[in-house]
Every structure is written in C-alpha cells, then in structure tokens.
Protein backbone atom coordinates (compact mmCIF):
# COMPACT_ATOMS: atom_id res chain seq x y z
CA UNK A 1 106.11 115.45 104.87
CA UNK A 2 108.83 113.34 106.40
CA UNK A 3 109.50 111.59 103.11
CA UNK A 4 110.61 114.67 101.16
CA UNK A 5 113.31 116.78 102.76
CA UNK A 6 115.54 119.66 101.80
CA UNK A 7 118.90 118.48 100.53
CA UNK A 8 121.49 121.11 101.40
CA UNK A 9 124.35 118.95 100.10
CA UNK A 10 123.20 118.92 96.47
CA UNK A 11 123.01 121.66 93.92
CA UNK A 12 119.86 123.68 94.56
CA UNK A 13 119.36 124.23 90.84
CA UNK A 14 119.14 120.53 90.00
CA UNK A 15 117.95 118.65 93.11
CA UNK A 16 116.73 120.85 95.96
CA UNK A 17 115.08 117.89 97.74
CA UNK A 18 115.62 114.21 98.35
CA UNK A 19 113.00 111.51 98.75
CA UNK A 20 113.16 108.80 101.39
CA UNK A 21 114.25 105.63 99.55
CA UNK A 22 111.92 103.55 101.74
CA UNK A 23 108.85 105.45 100.50
CA UNK A 24 106.41 102.97 98.97
CA UNK A 25 104.84 103.42 95.55
CA UNK A 26 101.44 104.03 97.11
CA UNK A 27 102.78 106.57 99.61
CA UNK A 28 104.71 108.32 96.86
CA UNK A 29 101.48 108.82 94.89
CA UNK A 30 99.78 110.12 98.03
CA UNK A 31 102.61 112.63 98.48
CA UNK A 32 102.30 113.69 94.84
CA UNK A 33 98.59 114.34 95.36
CA UNK A 34 99.31 116.30 98.57
CA UNK A 35 101.98 118.42 96.88
CA UNK A 36 99.69 119.17 93.97
CA UNK A 37 96.89 120.11 96.38
CA UNK A 38 99.29 122.49 98.14
CA UNK A 39 100.19 124.06 94.79
CA UNK A 40 96.50 124.63 94.01
CA UNK A 41 95.80 126.03 97.48
CA UNK A 42 98.80 128.34 97.31
CA UNK A 43 97.69 129.65 93.95
CA UNK A 44 94.16 130.25 95.22
CA UNK A 45 95.43 131.92 98.40
CA UNK A 46 97.31 134.51 96.39
CA UNK A 47 93.90 135.76 95.23
CA UNK A 48 95.41 138.02 92.61
CA UNK A 49 94.23 138.31 89.04
CA UNK A 50 96.00 135.49 87.25
CA UNK A 51 97.29 135.74 83.70
CA UNK A 52 96.22 133.13 81.14
CA UNK A 53 99.54 131.20 81.24
CA UNK A 54 99.33 130.94 85.02
CA UNK A 55 95.72 129.71 84.80
CA UNK A 56 96.84 127.11 82.28
CA UNK A 57 99.59 125.89 84.60
CA UNK A 58 97.18 125.65 87.53
CA UNK A 59 94.74 123.75 85.31
CA UNK A 60 97.49 121.25 84.50
CA UNK A 61 98.40 120.95 88.20
CA UNK A 62 94.77 120.29 89.06
CA UNK A 63 94.54 117.65 86.32
CA UNK A 64 97.74 115.98 87.57
CA UNK A 65 96.31 115.93 91.09
CA UNK A 66 93.17 114.19 89.84
CA UNK A 67 95.24 111.57 87.99
CA UNK A 68 97.43 110.96 91.06
CA UNK A 69 94.35 110.51 93.24
CA UNK A 70 92.87 108.08 90.70
CA UNK A 71 96.11 106.09 90.67
CA UNK A 72 95.92 105.75 94.45
CA UNK A 73 92.25 104.68 94.21
CA UNK A 74 93.18 101.99 91.67
CA UNK A 75 95.72 100.52 94.06
CA UNK A 76 93.33 100.19 96.98
CA UNK A 77 91.63 96.81 97.42
CA UNK A 78 88.03 96.77 96.20
C-alpha cells in the first residue's frame, strides 16, 4: 500500500496517515476495497465470539466493501 503511509509529523489522534496526492479516483476506490477486505479478514482471524455491536460493525464494513467494489466496476469500460 504505497499510497497510504504513516504520517509521524501529524497528530496521531486526528490524522495518523496521509494519502498520496497523485492517487487516482479509481485507485483510491481500489484501496478502500482492499482496506475493508483487510478489516473483514482481521475480524474473522480473531475467531473469538463476537458481541452484537461488533457483528453490526463488521456487517457495515462488509457492505461498504461491496459498494466500493461496485463503484470500481462501474468505472471500468464495458
């Protein structure tokens, strides 16, 4: 993930990362989908009983991933 890097110069509480300003719209959506997939995989790898609020959050992450992937599909030539 060369396009998203840790930003040690900014306040960790507000902006722990920076995004490459040359990142295209399409590539940004691909990165969003990848990050969401990592969040889902991390959650599944924990393999611990998950409380209802955590399941709800993971459901929202999974939905966001699907929307991001659809956005990328819409931008590809037919």
